[in-house]
N, C-alpha and C. Protein backbone atom coordinates (compact mmCIF):
# COMPACT_ATOMS: atom_id res chain seq x y z
N MET A 1 0.81 -1.15 -0.02
CA MET A 1 0.01 -0.01 -0.01
C MET A 1 0.86 1.28 0.01
N VAL A 2 0.37 2.27 -0.61
CA VAL A 2 1.15 3.50 -0.73
C VAL A 2 0.45 4.59 0.11
N VAL A 3 1.14 5.03 1.18
CA VAL A 3 0.54 6.05 2.01
C VAL A 3 1.70 6.87 2.60
N GLY A 4 1.46 8.19 2.85
CA GLY A 4 2.50 9.03 3.44
C GLY A 4 2.45 10.40 2.89
N VAL A 5 3.65 10.95 2.50
CA VAL A 5 3.81 12.33 2.07
C VAL A 5 4.10 12.37 0.60
N CYS A 6 3.44 13.26 -0.12
CA CYS A 6 3.63 13.33 -1.61
C CYS A 6 4.45 14.52 -1.97
N THR A 7 5.36 14.37 -2.94
CA THR A 7 6.15 15.46 -3.41
C THR A 7 5.32 16.32 -4.34
N VAL A 8 5.65 17.58 -4.50
CA VAL A 8 4.91 18.52 -5.40
C VAL A 8 4.98 18.00 -6.78
N ALA A 9 6.08 17.41 -7.23
CA ALA A 9 6.29 16.97 -8.63
C ALA A 9 5.17 15.93 -8.99
N VAL A 10 4.76 15.09 -8.11
CA VAL A 10 3.76 14.10 -8.42
C VAL A 10 2.50 14.78 -8.86
N PHE A 11 2.06 15.80 -8.11
CA PHE A 11 0.78 16.43 -8.38
C PHE A 11 0.92 17.59 -9.30
N GLY A 12 2.06 17.99 -9.71
CA GLY A 12 2.27 19.09 -10.59
C GLY A 12 2.03 18.73 -12.02
N GLN A 13 2.21 17.52 -12.45
CA GLN A 13 2.09 17.12 -13.84
C GLN A 13 0.64 16.89 -14.18
N ARG A 14 0.26 17.30 -15.37
CA ARG A 14 -1.13 17.18 -15.82
C ARG A 14 -1.16 16.70 -17.27
N THR A 15 -0.82 15.50 -17.51
CA THR A 15 -0.92 14.97 -18.84
C THR A 15 -2.10 14.01 -18.92
N THR A 16 -2.63 13.77 -20.09
CA THR A 16 -3.79 12.87 -20.20
C THR A 16 -3.33 11.57 -20.82
N GLY A 17 -4.07 10.51 -20.48
CA GLY A 17 -3.78 9.16 -21.03
C GLY A 17 -5.08 8.49 -21.38
N GLY A 18 -5.73 8.99 -22.36
CA GLY A 18 -7.02 8.40 -22.78
C GLY A 18 -8.18 9.17 -22.21
N PRO A 19 -9.39 8.92 -22.68
CA PRO A 19 -10.54 9.67 -22.27
C PRO A 19 -10.77 9.57 -20.75
N GLY A 20 -10.92 10.71 -20.10
CA GLY A 20 -11.23 10.71 -18.68
C GLY A 20 -10.05 10.35 -17.76
N THR A 21 -8.87 10.21 -18.30
CA THR A 21 -7.70 9.79 -17.46
C THR A 21 -6.67 10.91 -17.46
N VAL A 22 -6.14 11.17 -16.23
CA VAL A 22 -5.02 12.08 -16.10
C VAL A 22 -3.89 11.29 -15.52
N ILE A 23 -2.71 11.37 -16.16
CA ILE A 23 -1.48 10.69 -15.69
C ILE A 23 -0.60 11.68 -15.04
N ARG A 24 -0.20 11.42 -13.75
CA ARG A 24 0.64 12.36 -12.99
C ARG A 24 2.14 12.16 -13.23
N ARG A 25 2.62 10.90 -13.21
CA ARG A 25 4.04 10.69 -13.42
C ARG A 25 4.36 9.18 -13.61
N GLN A 26 5.53 8.96 -14.18
CA GLN A 26 6.05 7.60 -14.29
C GLN A 26 6.49 7.13 -12.92
N ALA A 27 6.27 5.88 -12.59
CA ALA A 27 6.73 5.33 -11.30
C ALA A 27 8.23 5.19 -11.29
N PRO A 28 8.88 5.74 -10.24
CA PRO A 28 10.34 5.60 -10.15
C PRO A 28 10.73 4.17 -9.83
N THR A 29 11.94 3.82 -10.21
CA THR A 29 12.43 2.49 -9.90
C THR A 29 13.55 2.53 -8.85
N ASP A 30 13.89 3.75 -8.39
CA ASP A 30 15.04 3.88 -7.45
C ASP A 30 14.67 4.49 -6.13
N LYS A 31 13.35 4.81 -5.92
CA LYS A 31 12.92 5.43 -4.68
C LYS A 31 11.45 5.18 -4.43
N ALA A 32 11.04 5.39 -3.20
CA ALA A 32 9.65 5.24 -2.81
C ALA A 32 8.91 6.56 -3.09
N VAL A 33 7.60 6.45 -3.25
CA VAL A 33 6.74 7.64 -3.42
C VAL A 33 5.61 7.53 -2.41
N ASP A 34 5.36 8.59 -1.68
CA ASP A 34 4.32 8.60 -0.67
C ASP A 34 3.21 9.56 -1.10
N PHE A 35 1.98 9.31 -0.62
CA PHE A 35 0.82 10.15 -0.91
C PHE A 35 0.21 10.48 0.48
N SER A 36 0.18 11.75 0.77
CA SER A 36 -0.47 12.17 2.10
C SER A 36 -2.00 12.19 1.96
N GLN A 37 -2.66 12.08 3.08
CA GLN A 37 -4.11 12.19 3.07
C GLN A 37 -4.62 13.53 2.46
N SER A 38 -3.90 14.60 2.83
CA SER A 38 -4.35 15.92 2.28
C SER A 38 -4.12 15.97 0.76
N ASP A 39 -3.05 15.44 0.26
CA ASP A 39 -2.87 15.43 -1.20
C ASP A 39 -3.95 14.56 -1.91
N LEU A 40 -4.23 13.35 -1.31
CA LEU A 40 -5.27 12.52 -1.95
C LEU A 40 -6.64 13.28 -1.91
N ASN A 41 -6.91 13.92 -0.77
CA ASN A 41 -8.17 14.67 -0.68
C ASN A 41 -8.23 15.77 -1.74
N ALA A 42 -7.13 16.43 -1.99
CA ALA A 42 -7.10 17.45 -3.04
C ALA A 42 -7.39 16.80 -4.43
N GLU A 43 -6.84 15.65 -4.66
CA GLU A 43 -7.14 14.91 -5.92
C GLU A 43 -8.60 14.58 -6.03
N PHE A 44 -9.19 14.05 -4.92
CA PHE A 44 -10.60 13.72 -4.93
C PHE A 44 -11.43 14.94 -5.25
N GLN A 45 -11.11 16.10 -4.69
CA GLN A 45 -11.88 17.31 -4.94
C GLN A 45 -11.72 17.78 -6.38
N GLU A 46 -10.51 17.78 -6.88
CA GLU A 46 -10.33 18.14 -8.29
C GLU A 46 -11.04 17.21 -9.28
N MET A 47 -11.03 15.88 -8.93
CA MET A 47 -11.79 14.97 -9.79
C MET A 47 -13.27 15.28 -9.83
N ALA A 48 -13.78 15.56 -8.67
CA ALA A 48 -15.21 15.94 -8.56
C ALA A 48 -15.56 17.21 -9.33
N THR A 49 -14.73 18.25 -9.12
CA THR A 49 -14.93 19.54 -9.75
C THR A 49 -14.85 19.49 -11.27
N LYS A 50 -13.81 18.75 -11.77
CA LYS A 50 -13.52 18.67 -13.23
C LYS A 50 -14.12 17.47 -13.90
N LYS A 51 -14.86 16.67 -13.17
CA LYS A 51 -15.51 15.46 -13.68
C LYS A 51 -14.47 14.52 -14.31
N ILE A 52 -13.38 14.30 -13.58
CA ILE A 52 -12.32 13.41 -14.01
C ILE A 52 -12.62 12.00 -13.48
N ALA A 53 -12.64 10.98 -14.34
CA ALA A 53 -13.01 9.64 -13.87
C ALA A 53 -11.84 8.87 -13.29
N THR A 54 -10.62 9.12 -13.86
CA THR A 54 -9.44 8.36 -13.43
C THR A 54 -8.22 9.28 -13.41
N VAL A 55 -7.50 9.24 -12.25
CA VAL A 55 -6.23 9.85 -12.12
C VAL A 55 -5.21 8.77 -11.93
N ARG A 56 -4.24 8.68 -12.80
CA ARG A 56 -3.18 7.68 -12.62
C ARG A 56 -2.04 8.39 -11.86
N LEU A 57 -1.89 8.06 -10.57
CA LEU A 57 -0.87 8.67 -9.77
C LEU A 57 0.52 8.22 -10.20
N LEU A 58 0.65 6.93 -10.54
CA LEU A 58 1.95 6.37 -10.97
C LEU A 58 1.71 5.41 -12.11
N GLU A 59 2.47 5.55 -13.15
CA GLU A 59 2.48 4.57 -14.26
C GLU A 59 3.78 3.82 -14.27
N GLY A 60 3.70 2.49 -14.15
CA GLY A 60 4.86 1.71 -14.15
C GLY A 60 4.97 0.61 -15.20
N GLY A 61 4.13 0.74 -16.24
CA GLY A 61 4.12 -0.29 -17.28
C GLY A 61 3.33 -1.51 -16.86
N ALA A 62 3.97 -2.44 -16.14
CA ALA A 62 3.34 -3.65 -15.68
C ALA A 62 2.48 -3.41 -14.46
N TYR A 63 2.49 -2.19 -13.91
CA TYR A 63 1.69 -1.85 -12.77
C TYR A 63 1.36 -0.36 -12.80
N ASN A 64 0.32 0.06 -12.07
CA ASN A 64 0.00 1.46 -11.93
C ASN A 64 -0.88 1.65 -10.68
N VAL A 65 -0.89 2.91 -10.19
CA VAL A 65 -1.66 3.32 -9.03
C VAL A 65 -2.61 4.42 -9.49
N ASN A 66 -3.91 4.12 -9.28
CA ASN A 66 -4.92 5.07 -9.79
C ASN A 66 -5.89 5.48 -8.69
N ILE A 67 -6.57 6.58 -8.97
CA ILE A 67 -7.77 6.96 -8.18
C ILE A 67 -8.92 6.90 -9.19
N ARG A 68 -10.00 6.19 -8.88
CA ARG A 68 -11.16 6.10 -9.73
C ARG A 68 -12.31 6.80 -9.03
N ARG A 69 -13.10 7.58 -9.80
CA ARG A 69 -14.29 8.20 -9.28
C ARG A 69 -15.46 7.90 -10.22
N LEU A 70 -16.44 7.25 -9.68
CA LEU A 70 -17.63 6.91 -10.48
C LEU A 70 -18.81 7.60 -9.95
N GLU A 71 -19.65 8.18 -10.86
CA GLU A 71 -20.87 8.83 -10.49
C GLU A 71 -22.08 8.05 -10.98
N GLY A 72 -21.90 6.86 -11.40
CA GLY A 72 -22.98 5.96 -11.89
C GLY A 72 -22.39 4.61 -12.09
N ALA A 73 -23.15 3.75 -12.69
CA ALA A 73 -22.67 2.40 -12.92
C ALA A 73 -21.46 2.36 -13.81
N GLU A 74 -20.57 1.41 -13.59
CA GLU A 74 -19.34 1.22 -14.38
C GLU A 74 -19.62 0.13 -15.40
N THR A 75 -19.02 0.25 -16.59
CA THR A 75 -19.08 -0.82 -17.56
C THR A 75 -18.50 -2.09 -16.96
N ALA A 76 -19.09 -3.22 -17.24
CA ALA A 76 -18.53 -4.50 -16.76
C ALA A 76 -17.20 -4.74 -17.49
N LEU A 77 -16.17 -5.19 -16.82
CA LEU A 77 -14.86 -5.35 -17.36
C LEU A 77 -14.23 -6.68 -17.03
N VAL A 78 -13.26 -7.09 -17.83
CA VAL A 78 -12.37 -8.19 -17.48
C VAL A 78 -10.93 -7.75 -17.93
N HIS A 79 -9.96 -7.90 -17.09
CA HIS A 79 -8.57 -7.64 -17.43
C HIS A 79 -7.92 -8.94 -17.62
N GLY A 80 -7.31 -9.16 -18.77
CA GLY A 80 -6.69 -10.47 -19.12
C GLY A 80 -5.45 -10.74 -18.33
N LYS A 81 -4.68 -9.69 -18.04
CA LYS A 81 -3.38 -9.92 -17.35
C LYS A 81 -3.23 -9.15 -16.05
N LYS A 82 -4.06 -8.19 -15.78
CA LYS A 82 -3.86 -7.35 -14.57
C LYS A 82 -4.83 -7.73 -13.48
N THR A 83 -4.29 -7.73 -12.25
CA THR A 83 -5.05 -7.93 -11.03
C THR A 83 -5.27 -6.55 -10.39
N ASP A 84 -6.45 -6.33 -9.84
CA ASP A 84 -6.82 -5.06 -9.18
C ASP A 84 -6.90 -5.27 -7.69
N VAL A 85 -6.42 -4.27 -6.95
CA VAL A 85 -6.72 -4.14 -5.50
C VAL A 85 -7.34 -2.77 -5.37
N TRP A 86 -8.60 -2.74 -4.81
CA TRP A 86 -9.30 -1.48 -4.56
C TRP A 86 -9.38 -1.21 -3.10
N VAL A 87 -9.26 0.08 -2.74
CA VAL A 87 -9.45 0.59 -1.39
C VAL A 87 -10.47 1.72 -1.49
N VAL A 88 -11.68 1.46 -0.97
CA VAL A 88 -12.75 2.43 -1.11
C VAL A 88 -12.55 3.58 -0.13
N ARG A 89 -12.52 4.81 -0.67
CA ARG A 89 -12.24 5.98 0.11
C ARG A 89 -13.46 6.90 0.38
N GLU A 90 -14.40 6.91 -0.57
CA GLU A 90 -15.61 7.71 -0.46
C GLU A 90 -16.79 6.96 -1.08
N GLY A 91 -17.98 7.18 -0.54
CA GLY A 91 -19.20 6.68 -1.17
C GLY A 91 -19.42 5.21 -1.01
N GLU A 92 -20.39 4.72 -1.75
CA GLU A 92 -20.73 3.28 -1.70
C GLU A 92 -21.44 2.89 -2.98
N GLY A 93 -21.50 1.60 -3.24
CA GLY A 93 -22.19 1.06 -4.38
C GLY A 93 -22.26 -0.42 -4.27
N THR A 94 -22.67 -1.08 -5.34
CA THR A 94 -22.81 -2.53 -5.37
C THR A 94 -21.71 -3.02 -6.36
N LEU A 95 -20.84 -3.88 -5.91
CA LEU A 95 -19.80 -4.51 -6.76
C LEU A 95 -20.29 -5.88 -7.19
N VAL A 96 -20.16 -6.17 -8.47
CA VAL A 96 -20.49 -7.51 -9.01
C VAL A 96 -19.17 -8.08 -9.58
N THR A 97 -18.86 -9.32 -9.16
CA THR A 97 -17.65 -10.01 -9.66
C THR A 97 -17.99 -11.44 -10.03
N GLY A 98 -17.18 -11.99 -10.94
CA GLY A 98 -17.38 -13.40 -11.35
C GLY A 98 -18.37 -13.45 -12.43
N GLY A 99 -18.88 -14.68 -12.70
CA GLY A 99 -19.88 -14.86 -13.77
C GLY A 99 -19.26 -14.65 -15.18
N GLU A 100 -20.09 -14.12 -16.01
CA GLU A 100 -19.57 -13.86 -17.40
C GLU A 100 -20.12 -12.55 -17.97
N LEU A 101 -19.42 -11.92 -18.83
CA LEU A 101 -19.82 -10.63 -19.44
C LEU A 101 -20.98 -10.93 -20.41
N VAL A 102 -21.92 -10.00 -20.42
CA VAL A 102 -23.05 -10.02 -21.38
C VAL A 102 -22.61 -9.14 -22.52
N ASP A 103 -22.77 -9.53 -23.76
CA ASP A 103 -22.42 -8.78 -24.97
C ASP A 103 -20.96 -8.31 -24.89
N PRO A 104 -20.03 -9.31 -24.73
CA PRO A 104 -18.60 -8.92 -24.63
C PRO A 104 -18.03 -8.24 -25.85
N ARG A 105 -17.18 -7.26 -25.63
CA ARG A 105 -16.46 -6.58 -26.70
C ARG A 105 -14.97 -6.63 -26.29
N LYS A 106 -14.16 -6.96 -27.28
CA LYS A 106 -12.70 -7.09 -27.06
C LYS A 106 -12.11 -5.72 -26.64
N GLY A 107 -11.21 -5.77 -25.64
CA GLY A 107 -10.48 -4.56 -25.21
C GLY A 107 -9.22 -4.35 -25.96
N ALA A 108 -8.50 -3.32 -25.48
CA ALA A 108 -7.28 -2.90 -26.16
C ALA A 108 -6.10 -3.85 -25.95
N GLU A 109 -6.06 -4.45 -24.74
CA GLU A 109 -4.97 -5.36 -24.38
C GLU A 109 -5.45 -6.78 -24.46
N GLU A 110 -4.49 -7.70 -24.59
CA GLU A 110 -4.81 -9.13 -24.71
C GLU A 110 -5.59 -9.61 -23.52
N GLY A 111 -6.72 -10.28 -23.82
CA GLY A 111 -7.56 -10.81 -22.75
C GLY A 111 -8.54 -9.79 -22.15
N ASP A 112 -8.39 -8.54 -22.46
CA ASP A 112 -9.29 -7.51 -21.91
C ASP A 112 -10.62 -7.50 -22.66
N ALA A 113 -11.73 -7.23 -21.96
CA ALA A 113 -13.01 -7.14 -22.59
C ALA A 113 -13.92 -6.28 -21.75
N SER A 114 -14.97 -5.75 -22.34
CA SER A 114 -16.02 -5.05 -21.58
C SER A 114 -17.36 -5.62 -22.04
N GLY A 115 -18.39 -5.40 -21.25
CA GLY A 115 -19.73 -5.87 -21.58
C GLY A 115 -20.79 -4.99 -21.02
N SER A 116 -22.02 -5.26 -21.45
CA SER A 116 -23.15 -4.40 -20.96
C SER A 116 -23.51 -4.71 -19.54
N SER A 117 -23.17 -5.91 -19.09
CA SER A 117 -23.44 -6.33 -17.67
C SER A 117 -22.75 -7.66 -17.41
N ILE A 118 -23.06 -8.19 -16.21
CA ILE A 118 -22.46 -9.47 -15.80
C ILE A 118 -23.60 -10.42 -15.50
N ARG A 119 -23.52 -11.65 -16.06
CA ARG A 119 -24.52 -12.65 -15.79
C ARG A 119 -23.93 -13.68 -14.84
N GLY A 120 -24.64 -14.00 -13.75
CA GLY A 120 -24.21 -15.02 -12.81
C GLY A 120 -23.10 -14.65 -11.89
N GLY A 121 -22.86 -13.35 -11.71
CA GLY A 121 -21.82 -12.94 -10.78
C GLY A 121 -22.34 -12.82 -9.36
N GLN A 122 -21.43 -12.49 -8.48
CA GLN A 122 -21.72 -12.32 -7.04
C GLN A 122 -21.84 -10.81 -6.77
N SER A 123 -22.96 -10.36 -6.21
CA SER A 123 -23.13 -8.94 -5.83
C SER A 123 -22.97 -8.73 -4.37
N ARG A 124 -22.30 -7.64 -4.04
CA ARG A 124 -22.24 -7.27 -2.60
C ARG A 124 -21.99 -5.75 -2.52
N PRO A 125 -22.44 -5.13 -1.39
CA PRO A 125 -22.20 -3.72 -1.22
C PRO A 125 -20.68 -3.46 -0.89
N ILE A 126 -20.21 -2.36 -1.38
CA ILE A 126 -18.85 -1.87 -0.97
C ILE A 126 -19.04 -0.44 -0.47
N LYS A 127 -18.22 -0.10 0.51
CA LYS A 127 -18.30 1.21 1.16
C LYS A 127 -16.95 1.64 1.66
N VAL A 128 -16.85 2.80 2.21
CA VAL A 128 -15.61 3.39 2.70
C VAL A 128 -14.92 2.39 3.65
N GLY A 129 -13.60 2.19 3.41
CA GLY A 129 -12.83 1.29 4.20
C GLY A 129 -12.69 -0.13 3.67
N ASP A 130 -13.57 -0.53 2.76
CA ASP A 130 -13.50 -1.89 2.17
C ASP A 130 -12.31 -1.99 1.23
N VAL A 131 -11.70 -3.17 1.21
CA VAL A 131 -10.60 -3.49 0.33
C VAL A 131 -11.05 -4.71 -0.49
N VAL A 132 -10.83 -4.64 -1.79
CA VAL A 132 -11.29 -5.70 -2.72
C VAL A 132 -10.13 -6.18 -3.54
N PHE A 133 -9.97 -7.47 -3.69
CA PHE A 133 -8.91 -8.13 -4.57
C PHE A 133 -9.65 -8.72 -5.73
N ILE A 134 -9.31 -8.31 -6.97
CA ILE A 134 -9.92 -8.84 -8.15
C ILE A 134 -8.87 -9.46 -9.05
N PRO A 135 -8.73 -10.79 -9.10
CA PRO A 135 -7.71 -11.38 -9.89
C PRO A 135 -7.94 -11.18 -11.43
N ALA A 136 -6.82 -11.20 -12.19
CA ALA A 136 -6.91 -11.12 -13.62
C ALA A 136 -7.88 -12.20 -14.17
N GLY A 137 -8.69 -11.85 -15.12
CA GLY A 137 -9.64 -12.77 -15.73
C GLY A 137 -10.99 -12.84 -15.11
N VAL A 138 -11.20 -12.14 -13.98
CA VAL A 138 -12.49 -12.11 -13.27
C VAL A 138 -13.32 -10.93 -13.74
N PRO A 139 -14.49 -11.16 -14.26
CA PRO A 139 -15.39 -10.02 -14.64
C PRO A 139 -15.77 -9.23 -13.36
N HIS A 140 -15.84 -7.88 -13.52
CA HIS A 140 -16.22 -7.06 -12.44
C HIS A 140 -16.82 -5.73 -12.86
N GLY A 141 -17.60 -5.11 -12.07
CA GLY A 141 -18.19 -3.82 -12.33
C GLY A 141 -18.97 -3.35 -11.15
N VAL A 142 -19.13 -2.01 -11.04
CA VAL A 142 -19.89 -1.40 -10.00
C VAL A 142 -21.16 -0.92 -10.54
N ARG A 143 -22.25 -1.18 -9.82
CA ARG A 143 -23.58 -0.69 -10.17
C ARG A 143 -24.23 -0.11 -8.92
N GLU A 144 -25.36 0.52 -9.12
CA GLU A 144 -26.11 1.07 -7.99
C GLU A 144 -25.21 1.96 -7.12
N VAL A 145 -24.50 2.87 -7.77
CA VAL A 145 -23.67 3.84 -7.01
C VAL A 145 -24.57 4.83 -6.36
N LYS A 146 -24.39 5.10 -5.10
CA LYS A 146 -25.19 6.06 -4.35
C LYS A 146 -24.47 7.39 -4.30
N GLY A 147 -24.80 8.25 -5.27
CA GLY A 147 -24.12 9.51 -5.47
C GLY A 147 -22.82 9.36 -6.23
N HIS A 148 -21.75 8.97 -5.58
CA HIS A 148 -20.52 8.70 -6.16
C HIS A 148 -19.70 7.75 -5.33
N ILE A 149 -18.72 7.16 -5.87
CA ILE A 149 -17.78 6.30 -5.16
C ILE A 149 -16.36 6.56 -5.66
N VAL A 150 -15.43 6.65 -4.71
CA VAL A 150 -14.02 6.95 -5.03
C VAL A 150 -13.18 5.81 -4.42
N PHE A 151 -12.30 5.23 -5.22
CA PHE A 151 -11.44 4.21 -4.66
C PHE A 151 -10.05 4.27 -5.27
N LEU A 152 -9.06 3.90 -4.43
CA LEU A 152 -7.72 3.70 -4.96
C LEU A 152 -7.73 2.40 -5.73
N ASN A 153 -7.07 2.34 -6.86
CA ASN A 153 -7.04 1.11 -7.66
C ASN A 153 -5.55 0.82 -7.94
N ILE A 154 -5.05 -0.17 -7.28
CA ILE A 154 -3.61 -0.59 -7.48
C ILE A 154 -3.72 -1.79 -8.36
N ARG A 155 -3.08 -1.63 -9.61
CA ARG A 155 -3.22 -2.62 -10.66
C ARG A 155 -1.85 -3.13 -11.04
N PHE A 156 -1.68 -4.47 -11.17
CA PHE A 156 -0.42 -5.04 -11.58
C PHE A 156 -0.58 -6.32 -12.38
N ASP A 157 0.39 -6.53 -13.27
CA ASP A 157 0.38 -7.75 -14.13
C ASP A 157 0.62 -8.96 -13.23
N THR A 158 -0.15 -9.99 -13.53
CA THR A 158 0.01 -11.31 -12.82
C THR A 158 0.12 -12.47 -13.78
N LYS A 159 -0.01 -12.22 -15.03
CA LYS A 159 0.12 -13.31 -16.06
C LYS A 159 1.05 -12.89 -17.14
């Protein structure tokens, strides 16, 4: 987990990486990077104000650290090679995992796909403080978001 004090350089960069995504910086390979509660809160506020869905705090190629902000249901997804760890920081919703994608469409990376929903998955509420582990290959999506939900999303290659 990444927690602590953040340098100004991390939050000073404002480049985009696809629709709705802001990339802050490349992940260093020679030092640790910390993120303070106040810096994360500032990110949450900016995302709400500017309607930003994803901020990639660190991009490491085979791994990345993101903040996700959803104001409604999320498209059902499967990541072919990447495993997700979510830490819910604000809001609540219903997470569906497992089962199979309905109307699957191939994604940009090998094994990735999206769908209109999930058939036969397990639904459960998620809220502030919850931590979720989603292995590569497992369909997942958030529905029934109450207002909004914000979560840290630590993603890494496992295949």
